[in-house]
Amino acid sequence: MQALPTPEHHPGGINLLRKFLNVETEADFQMLVAWLLGCFHPEGPYPILILSGEQGSAKSTTARTLRDLIDPASPSTRSTPTLSKI
């Protein structure tokens, strides 16, 4: 594990994130930003992210994007190891 990245100030602010997330309303975007901020608390309780939508509505992509913002682990996704036949 590595330390969490230090947030950087940018003139565009948090609205730069909007184009990477598939959210319908301003309220949905605000909830995702609130979830992100809640993840940086040094102690729990921590928020739980629940994404809902139809198949193909970018739920996994949204979750991966948000996770990459707060978790410096590499690689960001891992697959189950396969057993090789001997």
PDB file of N, CA and C in Angstrom:
ATOM      1  N   MET A   1       0.829  -1.174   0.000  1.00  0.00           N
ATOM      2  CA  MET A   1       0.000   0.000   0.000  1.00  0.00           C
ATOM      3  C   MET A   1       0.875   1.239   0.000  1.00  0.00           C
ATOM      4  N   GLN A   2       0.357   2.274  -0.611  1.00  0.00           N
ATOM      5  CA  GLN A   2       1.040   3.553  -0.636  1.00  0.00           C
ATOM      6  C   GLN A   2       0.168   4.591   0.049  1.00  0.00           C
ATOM      7  N   ALA A   3       0.761   5.728   0.336  1.00  0.00           N
ATOM      8  CA  ALA A   3      -0.006   6.824   0.924  1.00  0.00           C
ATOM      9  C   ALA A   3      -0.977   7.382  -0.111  1.00  0.00           C
ATOM     10  N   LEU A   4      -2.089   7.939   0.380  1.00  0.00           N
ATOM     11  CA  LEU A   4      -3.031   8.572  -0.525  1.00  0.00           C
ATOM     12  C   LEU A   4      -2.380   9.786  -1.165  1.00  0.00           C
ATOM     13  N   PRO A   5      -2.730  10.069  -2.420  1.00  0.00           N
ATOM     14  CA  PRO A   5      -2.130  11.230  -3.075  1.00  0.00           C
ATOM     15  C   PRO A   5      -2.604  12.533  -2.433  1.00  0.00           C
ATOM     16  N   THR A   6      -1.764  13.533  -2.485  1.00  0.00           N
ATOM     17  CA  THR A   6      -2.125  14.852  -1.969  1.00  0.00           C
ATOM     18  C   THR A   6      -2.970  15.563  -3.015  1.00  0.00           C
ATOM     19  N   PRO A   7      -4.164  16.026  -2.652  1.00  0.00           N
ATOM     20  CA  PRO A   7      -5.008  16.732  -3.624  1.00  0.00           C
ATOM     21  C   PRO A   7      -4.314  17.996  -4.128  1.00  0.00           C
ATOM     22  N   GLU A   8      -4.515  18.287  -5.396  1.00  0.00           N
ATOM     23  CA  GLU A   8      -3.935  19.473  -6.004  1.00  0.00           C
ATOM     24  C   GLU A   8      -5.044  20.433  -6.407  1.00  0.00           C
ATOM     25  N   HIS A   9      -4.783  21.720  -6.288  1.00  0.00           N
ATOM     26  CA  HIS A   9      -5.745  22.739  -6.697  1.00  0.00           C
ATOM     27  C   HIS A   9      -5.652  22.931  -8.210  1.00  0.00           C
ATOM     28  N   HIS A  10      -6.794  23.045  -8.853  1.00  0.00           N
ATOM     29  CA  HIS A  10      -6.842  23.276 -10.293  1.00  0.00           C
ATOM     30  C   HIS A  10      -7.915  24.313 -10.577  1.00  0.00           C
ATOM     31  N   PRO A  11      -7.661  25.232 -11.529  1.00  0.00           N
ATOM     32  CA  PRO A  11      -8.647  26.287 -11.822  1.00  0.00           C
ATOM     33  C   PRO A  11     -10.031  25.749 -12.200  1.00  0.00           C
ATOM     34  N   GLY A  12     -10.101  24.592 -12.839  1.00  0.00           N
ATOM     35  CA  GLY A  12     -11.389  24.028 -13.238  1.00  0.00           C
ATOM     36  C   GLY A  12     -12.141  23.389 -12.085  1.00  0.00           C
ATOM     37  N   GLY A  13     -11.420  23.123 -10.986  1.00  0.00           N
ATOM     38  CA  GLY A  13     -12.049  22.539  -9.821  1.00  0.00           C
ATOM     39  C   GLY A  13     -12.596  21.144 -10.068  1.00  0.00           C
ATOM     40  N   ILE A  14     -13.531  20.752  -9.229  1.00  0.00           N
ATOM     41  CA  ILE A  14     -14.102  19.402  -9.273  1.00  0.00           C
ATOM     42  C   ILE A  14     -14.919  19.166 -10.539  1.00  0.00           C
ATOM     43  N   ASN A  15     -15.334  20.234 -11.205  1.00  0.00           N
ATOM     44  CA  ASN A  15     -16.130  20.077 -12.428  1.00  0.00           C
ATOM     45  C   ASN A  15     -15.363  19.406 -13.552  1.00  0.00           C
ATOM     46  N   LEU A  16     -14.036  19.362 -13.468  1.00  0.00           N
ATOM     47  CA  LEU A  16     -13.251  18.636 -14.474  1.00  0.00           C
ATOM     48  C   LEU A  16     -13.568  17.142 -14.442  1.00  0.00           C
ATOM     49  N   LEU A  17     -13.989  16.653 -13.291  1.00  0.00           N
ATOM     50  CA  LEU A  17     -14.320  15.237 -13.141  1.00  0.00           C
ATOM     51  C   LEU A  17     -15.613  14.860 -13.854  1.00  0.00           C
ATOM     52  N   ARG A  18     -16.503  15.811 -14.030  1.00  0.00           N
ATOM     53  CA  ARG A  18     -17.835  15.548 -14.557  1.00  0.00           C
ATOM     54  C   ARG A  18     -17.817  14.805 -15.908  1.00  0.00           C
ATOM     55  N   LYS A  19     -16.894  15.156 -16.792  1.00  0.00           N
ATOM     56  CA  LYS A  19     -16.896  14.529 -18.122  1.00  0.00           C
ATOM     57  C   LYS A  19     -16.476  13.060 -18.091  1.00  0.00           C
ATOM     58  N   PHE A  20     -15.917  12.618 -16.971  1.00  0.00           N
ATOM     59  CA  PHE A  20     -15.496  11.223 -16.852  1.00  0.00           C
ATOM     60  C   PHE A  20     -16.535  10.335 -16.174  1.00  0.00           C
ATOM     61  N   LEU A  21     -17.611  10.935 -15.694  1.00  0.00           N
ATOM     62  CA  LEU A  21     -18.621  10.192 -14.955  1.00  0.00           C
ATOM     63  C   LEU A  21     -19.962  10.254 -15.675  1.00  0.00           C
ATOM     64  N   ASN A  22     -20.650   9.145 -15.695  1.00  0.00           N
ATOM     65  CA  ASN A  22     -21.962   9.079 -16.336  1.00  0.00           C
ATOM     66  C   ASN A  22     -23.033   9.308 -15.268  1.00  0.00           C
ATOM     67  N   VAL A  23     -23.333  10.578 -15.014  1.00  0.00           N
ATOM     68  CA  VAL A  23     -24.368  10.916 -14.040  1.00  0.00           C
ATOM     69  C   VAL A  23     -25.444  11.746 -14.737  1.00  0.00           C
ATOM     70  N   GLU A  24     -26.670  11.556 -14.296  1.00  0.00           N
ATOM     71  CA  GLU A  24     -27.806  12.208 -14.935  1.00  0.00           C
ATOM     72  C   GLU A  24     -28.036  13.631 -14.452  1.00  0.00           C
ATOM     73  N   THR A  25     -27.922  13.841 -13.147  1.00  0.00           N
ATOM     74  CA  THR A  25     -28.312  15.127 -12.583  1.00  0.00           C
ATOM     75  C   THR A  25     -27.172  15.745 -11.777  1.00  0.00           C
ATOM     76  N   GLU A  26     -27.330  17.012 -11.479  1.00  0.00           N
ATOM     77  CA  GLU A  26     -26.378  17.716 -10.630  1.00  0.00           C
ATOM     78  C   GLU A  26     -26.345  17.086  -9.232  1.00  0.00           C
ATOM     79  N   ALA A  27     -27.502  16.660  -8.746  1.00  0.00           N
ATOM     80  CA  ALA A  27     -27.568  16.025  -7.425  1.00  0.00           C
ATOM     81  C   ALA A  27     -26.765  14.724  -7.402  1.00  0.00           C
ATOM     82  N   ASP A  28     -26.825  13.954  -8.486  1.00  0.00           N
ATOM     83  CA  ASP A  28     -26.038  12.714  -8.570  1.00  0.00           C
ATOM     84  C   ASP A  28     -24.547  13.018  -8.523  1.00  0.00           C
ATOM     85  N   PHE A  29     -24.128  14.039  -9.249  1.00  0.00           N
ATOM     86  CA  PHE A  29     -22.723  14.426  -9.250  1.00  0.00           C
ATOM     87  C   PHE A  29     -22.287  14.881  -7.857  1.00  0.00           C
ATOM     88  N   GLN A  30     -23.125  15.652  -7.191  1.00  0.00           N
ATOM     89  CA  GLN A  30     -22.808  16.112  -5.842  1.00  0.00           C
ATOM     90  C   GLN A  30     -22.685  14.945  -4.875  1.00  0.00           C
ATOM     91  N   MET A  31     -23.516  13.924  -5.043  1.00  0.00           N
ATOM     92  CA  MET A  31     -23.427  12.742  -4.177  1.00  0.00           C
ATOM     93  C   MET A  31     -22.106  12.006  -4.402  1.00  0.00           C
ATOM     94  N   LEU A  32     -21.664  11.906  -5.656  1.00  0.00           N
ATOM     95  CA  LEU A  32     -20.384  11.251  -5.930  1.00  0.00           C
ATOM     96  C   LEU A  32     -19.224  12.045  -5.341  1.00  0.00           C
ATOM     97  N   VAL A  33     -19.285  13.365  -5.435  1.00  0.00           N
ATOM     98  CA  VAL A  33     -18.239  14.203  -4.846  1.00  0.00           C
ATOM     99  C   VAL A  33     -18.244  14.037  -3.327  1.00  0.00           C
ATOM    100  N   ALA A  34     -19.419  13.985  -2.721  1.00  0.00           N
ATOM    101  CA  ALA A  34     -19.514  13.779  -1.273  1.00  0.00           C
ATOM    102  C   ALA A  34     -18.921  12.431  -0.890  1.00  0.00           C
ATOM    103  N   TRP A  35     -19.177  11.401  -1.698  1.00  0.00           N
ATOM    104  CA  TRP A  35     -18.597  10.082  -1.436  1.00  0.00           C
ATOM    105  C   TRP A  35     -17.073  10.155  -1.492  1.00  0.00           C
ATOM    106  N   LEU A  36     -16.544  10.829  -2.508  1.00  0.00           N
ATOM    107  CA  LEU A  36     -15.090  10.970  -2.627  1.00  0.00           C
ATOM    108  C   LEU A  36     -14.497  11.647  -1.399  1.00  0.00           C
ATOM    109  N   LEU A  37     -15.120  12.722  -0.961  1.00  0.00           N
ATOM    110  CA  LEU A  37     -14.623  13.433   0.218  1.00  0.00           C
ATOM    111  C   LEU A  37     -14.690  12.555   1.461  1.00  0.00           C
ATOM    112  N   GLY A  38     -15.752  11.774   1.583  1.00  0.00           N
ATOM    113  CA  GLY A  38     -15.902  10.878   2.725  1.00  0.00           C
ATOM    114  C   GLY A  38     -14.829   9.809   2.779  1.00  0.00           C
ATOM    115  N   CYS A  39     -14.284   9.448   1.635  1.00  0.00           N
ATOM    116  CA  CYS A  39     -13.236   8.428   1.583  1.00  0.00           C
ATOM    117  C   CYS A  39     -11.920   8.906   2.175  1.00  0.00           C
ATOM    118  N   PHE A  40     -11.746  10.216   2.274  1.00  0.00           N
ATOM    119  CA  PHE A  40     -10.495  10.753   2.796  1.00  0.00           C
ATOM    120  C   PHE A  40     -10.501  10.961   4.308  1.00  0.00           C
ATOM    121  N   HIS A  41     -11.573  10.597   4.997  1.00  0.00           N
ATOM    122  CA  HIS A  41     -11.589  10.701   6.455  1.00  0.00           C
ATOM    123  C   HIS A  41     -10.561   9.736   7.023  1.00  0.00           C
ATOM    124  N   PRO A  42      -9.795  10.172   8.010  1.00  0.00           N
ATOM    125  CA  PRO A  42      -8.766   9.291   8.558  1.00  0.00           C
ATOM    126  C   PRO A  42      -9.328   8.113   9.349  1.00  0.00           C
ATOM    127  N   GLU A  43     -10.538   8.248   9.862  1.00  0.00           N
ATOM    128  CA  GLU A  43     -11.163   7.169  10.621  1.00  0.00           C
ATOM    129  C   GLU A  43     -12.583   6.962  10.106  1.00  0.00           C
ATOM    130  N   GLY A  44     -13.127   5.750  10.297  1.00  0.00           N
ATOM    131  CA  GLY A  44     -14.477   5.441   9.864  1.00  0.00           C
ATOM    132  C   GLY A  44     -15.510   6.163  10.690  1.00  0.00           C
ATOM    133  N   PRO A  45     -16.753   6.009  10.391  1.00  0.00           N
ATOM    134  CA  PRO A  45     -17.281   5.142   9.341  1.00  0.00           C
ATOM    135  C   PRO A  45     -17.038   5.732   7.955  1.00  0.00           C
ATOM    136  N   TYR A  46     -16.914   4.846   6.990  1.00  0.00           N
ATOM    137  CA  TYR A  46     -16.673   5.244   5.613  1.00  0.00           C
ATOM    138  C   TYR A  46     -17.946   5.052   4.798  1.00  0.00           C
ATOM    139  N   PRO A  47     -18.148   5.889   3.792  1.00  0.00           N
ATOM    140  CA  PRO A  47     -19.354   5.761   2.965  1.00  0.00           C
ATOM    141  C   PRO A  47     -19.259   4.548   2.053  1.00  0.00           C
ATOM    142  N   ILE A  48     -20.399   4.020   1.676  1.00  0.00           N
ATOM    143  CA  ILE A  48     -20.478   2.896   0.743  1.00  0.00           C
ATOM    144  C   ILE A  48     -21.030   3.426  -0.562  1.00  0.00           C
ATOM    145  N   LEU A  49     -20.363   3.100  -1.652  1.00  0.00           N
ATOM    146  CA  LEU A  49     -20.800   3.546  -2.967  1.00  0.00           C
ATOM    147  C   LEU A  49     -21.701   2.482  -3.584  1.00  0.00           C
ATOM    148  N   ILE A  50     -22.905   2.874  -3.950  1.00  0.00           N
ATOM    149  CA  ILE A  50     -23.833   1.979  -4.635  1.00  0.00           C
ATOM    150  C   ILE A  50     -24.228   2.646  -5.943  1.00  0.00           C
ATOM    151  N   LEU A  51     -23.842   2.032  -7.052  1.00  0.00           N
ATOM    152  CA  LEU A  51     -24.186   2.557  -8.369  1.00  0.00           C
ATOM    153  C   LEU A  51     -25.272   1.666  -8.961  1.00  0.00           C
ATOM    154  N   SER A  52     -26.280   2.281  -9.530  1.00  0.00           N
ATOM    155  CA  SER A  52     -27.339   1.494 -10.152  1.00  0.00           C
ATOM    156  C   SER A  52     -27.613   2.030 -11.545  1.00  0.00           C
ATOM    157  N   GLY A  53     -28.086   1.155 -12.399  1.00  0.00           N
ATOM    158  CA  GLY A  53     -28.387   1.541 -13.770  1.00  0.00           C
ATOM    159  C   GLY A  53     -28.513   0.305 -14.636  1.00  0.00           C
ATOM    160  N   GLU A  54     -28.902   0.535 -15.867  1.00  0.00           N
ATOM    161  CA  GLU A  54     -29.054  -0.563 -16.810  1.00  0.00           C
ATOM    162  C   GLU A  54     -27.692  -1.108 -17.221  1.00  0.00           C
ATOM    163  N   GLN A  55     -27.714  -2.281 -17.823  1.00  0.00           N
ATOM    164  CA  GLN A  55     -26.495  -2.860 -18.360  1.00  0.00           C
ATOM    165  C   GLN A  55     -25.929  -1.908 -19.407  1.00  0.00           C
ATOM    166  N   GLY A  56     -24.641  -1.654 -19.339  1.00  0.00           N
ATOM    167  CA  GLY A  56     -24.008  -0.769 -20.309  1.00  0.00           C
ATOM    168  C   GLY A  56     -24.070   0.704 -19.941  1.00  0.00           C
ATOM    169  N   SER A  57     -24.483   1.030 -18.716  1.00  0.00           N
ATOM    170  CA  SER A  57     -24.603   2.440 -18.333  1.00  0.00           C
ATOM    171  C   SER A  57     -23.344   2.967 -17.634  1.00  0.00           C
ATOM    172  N   ALA A  58     -22.232   2.271 -17.763  1.00  0.00           N
ATOM    173  CA  ALA A  58     -20.913   2.696 -17.266  1.00  0.00           C
ATOM    174  C   ALA A  58     -20.777   2.642 -15.748  1.00  0.00           C
ATOM    175  N   LYS A  59     -21.471   1.718 -15.099  1.00  0.00           N
ATOM    176  CA  LYS A  59     -21.327   1.591 -13.645  1.00  0.00           C
ATOM    177  C   LYS A  59     -19.912   1.152 -13.275  1.00  0.00           C
ATOM    178  N   SER A  60     -19.393   0.150 -13.947  1.00  0.00           N
ATOM    179  CA  SER A  60     -18.047  -0.342 -13.646  1.00  0.00           C
ATOM    180  C   SER A  60     -16.993   0.697 -13.988  1.00  0.00           C
ATOM    181  N   THR A  61     -17.164   1.383 -15.088  1.00  0.00           N
ATOM    182  CA  THR A  61     -16.217   2.421 -15.484  1.00  0.00           C
ATOM    183  C   THR A  61     -16.222   3.565 -14.478  1.00  0.00           C
ATOM    184  N   THR A  62     -17.395   3.950 -14.020  1.00  0.00           N
ATOM    185  CA  THR A  62     -17.511   5.013 -13.022  1.00  0.00           C
ATOM    186  C   THR A  62     -16.832   4.584 -11.726  1.00  0.00           C
ATOM    187  N   ALA A  63     -17.087   3.372 -11.269  1.00  0.00           N
ATOM    188  CA  ALA A  63     -16.474   2.871 -10.039  1.00  0.00           C
ATOM    189  C   ALA A  63     -14.953   2.818 -10.179  1.00  0.00           C
ATOM    190  N   ARG A  64     -14.458   2.360 -11.318  1.00  0.00           N
ATOM    191  CA  ARG A  64     -13.020   2.277 -11.558  1.00  0.00           C
ATOM    192  C   ARG A  64     -12.398   3.682 -11.571  1.00  0.00           C
ATOM    193  N   THR A  65     -13.054   4.625 -12.203  1.00  0.00           N
ATOM    194  CA  THR A  65     -12.548   6.002 -12.260  1.00  0.00           C
ATOM    195  C   THR A  65     -12.458   6.601 -10.868  1.00  0.00           C
ATOM    196  N   LEU A  66     -13.504   6.432 -10.069  1.00  0.00           N
ATOM    197  CA  LEU A  66     -13.509   6.973  -8.714  1.00  0.00           C
ATOM    198  C   LEU A  66     -12.459   6.295  -7.843  1.00  0.00           C
ATOM    199  N   ARG A  67     -12.331   4.995  -7.995  1.00  0.00           N
ATOM    200  CA  ARG A  67     -11.335   4.260  -7.208  1.00  0.00           C
ATOM    201  C   ARG A  67      -9.923   4.718  -7.560  1.00  0.00           C
ATOM    202  N   ASP A  68      -9.658   4.926  -8.836  1.00  0.00           N
ATOM    203  CA  ASP A  68      -8.334   5.367  -9.258  1.00  0.00           C
ATOM    204  C   ASP A  68      -7.980   6.742  -8.693  1.00  0.00           C
ATOM    205  N   LEU A  69      -8.986   7.546  -8.407  1.00  0.00           N
ATOM    206  CA  LEU A  69      -8.740   8.867  -7.830  1.00  0.00           C
ATOM    207  C   LEU A  69      -8.283   8.810  -6.378  1.00  0.00           C
ATOM    208  N   ILE A  70      -8.736   7.800  -5.648  1.00  0.00           N
ATOM    209  CA  ILE A  70      -8.455   7.764  -4.210  1.00  0.00           C
ATOM    210  C   ILE A  70      -7.532   6.639  -3.787  1.00  0.00           C
ATOM    211  N   ASP A  71      -7.290   5.666  -4.653  1.00  0.00           N
ATOM    212  CA  ASP A  71      -6.467   4.515  -4.277  1.00  0.00           C
ATOM    213  C   ASP A  71      -5.277   4.409  -5.227  1.00  0.00           C
ATOM    214  N   PRO A  72      -4.076   4.667  -4.740  1.00  0.00           N
ATOM    215  CA  PRO A  72      -2.899   4.634  -5.608  1.00  0.00           C
ATOM    216  C   PRO A  72      -2.395   3.228  -5.930  1.00  0.00           C
ATOM    217  N   ALA A  73      -3.114   2.198  -5.511  1.00  0.00           N
ATOM    218  CA  ALA A  73      -2.663   0.824  -5.751  1.00  0.00           C
ATOM    219  C   ALA A  73      -2.507   0.571  -7.247  1.00  0.00           C
ATOM    220  N   SER A  74      -1.505  -0.214  -7.563  1.00  0.00           N
ATOM    221  CA  SER A  74      -1.267  -0.555  -8.966  1.00  0.00           C
ATOM    222  C   SER A  74      -1.047  -2.057  -9.035  1.00  0.00           C
ATOM    223  N   PRO A  75      -1.649  -2.794  -9.893  1.00  0.00           N
ATOM    224  CA  PRO A  75      -2.630  -2.363 -10.890  1.00  0.00           C
ATOM    225  C   PRO A  75      -3.988  -2.098 -10.243  1.00  0.00           C
ATOM    226  N   SER A  76      -4.797  -1.317 -10.938  1.00  0.00           N
ATOM    227  CA  SER A  76      -6.083  -0.933 -10.361  1.00  0.00           C
ATOM    228  C   SER A  76      -7.074  -2.095 -10.355  1.00  0.00           C
ATOM    229  N   THR A  77      -6.919  -3.025 -11.262  1.00  0.00           N
ATOM    230  CA  THR A  77      -7.785  -4.208 -11.256  1.00  0.00           C
ATOM    231  C   THR A  77      -6.917  -5.457 -11.344  1.00  0.00           C
ATOM    232  N   ARG A  78      -7.397  -6.487 -10.746  1.00  0.00           N
ATOM    233  CA  ARG A  78      -6.674  -7.760 -10.777  1.00  0.00           C
ATOM    234  C   ARG A  78      -7.647  -8.864 -11.170  1.00  0.00           C
ATOM    235  N   SER A  79      -7.124  -9.838 -11.850  1.00  0.00           N
ATOM    236  CA  SER A  79      -7.954 -10.986 -12.191  1.00  0.00           C
ATOM    237  C   SER A  79      -7.586 -12.146 -11.276  1.00  0.00           C
ATOM    238  N   THR A  80      -8.454 -13.121 -11.229  1.00  0.00           N
ATOM    239  CA  THR A  80      -8.212 -14.303 -10.423  1.00  0.00           C
ATOM    240  C   THR A  80      -7.094 -15.114 -11.054  1.00  0.00           C
ATOM    241  N   PRO A  81      -6.129 -15.549 -10.268  1.00  0.00           N
ATOM    242  CA  PRO A  81      -5.047 -16.356 -10.836  1.00  0.00           C
ATOM    243  C   PRO A  81      -5.603 -17.666 -11.395  1.00  0.00           C
ATOM    244  N   THR A  82      -5.016 -18.113 -12.477  1.00  0.00           N
ATOM    245  CA  THR A  82      -5.446 -19.375 -13.073  1.00  0.00           C
ATOM    246  C   THR A  82      -4.411 -20.447 -12.753  1.00  0.00           C
ATOM    247  N   LEU A  83      -4.899 -21.651 -12.595  1.00  0.00           N
ATOM    248  CA  LEU A  83      -4.015 -22.777 -12.328  1.00  0.00           C
ATOM    249  C   LEU A  83      -3.546 -23.340 -13.653  1.00  0.00           C
ATOM    250  N   SER A  84      -2.252 -23.478 -13.802  1.00  0.00           N
ATOM    251  CA  SER A  84      -1.735 -24.052 -15.034  1.00  0.00           C
ATOM    252  C   SER A  84      -1.708 -25.563 -14.918  1.00  0.00           C
ATOM    253  N   LYS A  85      -1.957 -26.223 -16.038  1.00  0.00           N
ATOM    254  CA  LYS A  85      -1.935 -27.694 -16.040  1.00  0.00           C
ATOM    255  C   LYS A  85      -0.498 -28.167 -16.212  1.00  0.00           C
ATOM    256  N   ILE A  86      -0.145 -29.146 -15.411  1.00  0.00           N
ATOM    257  CA  ILE A  86       1.216 -29.667 -15.472  1.00  0.00           C
ATOM    258  C   ILE A  86       1.236 -30.960 -16.229  1.00  0.00           C
TER     259      ILE A  86
END
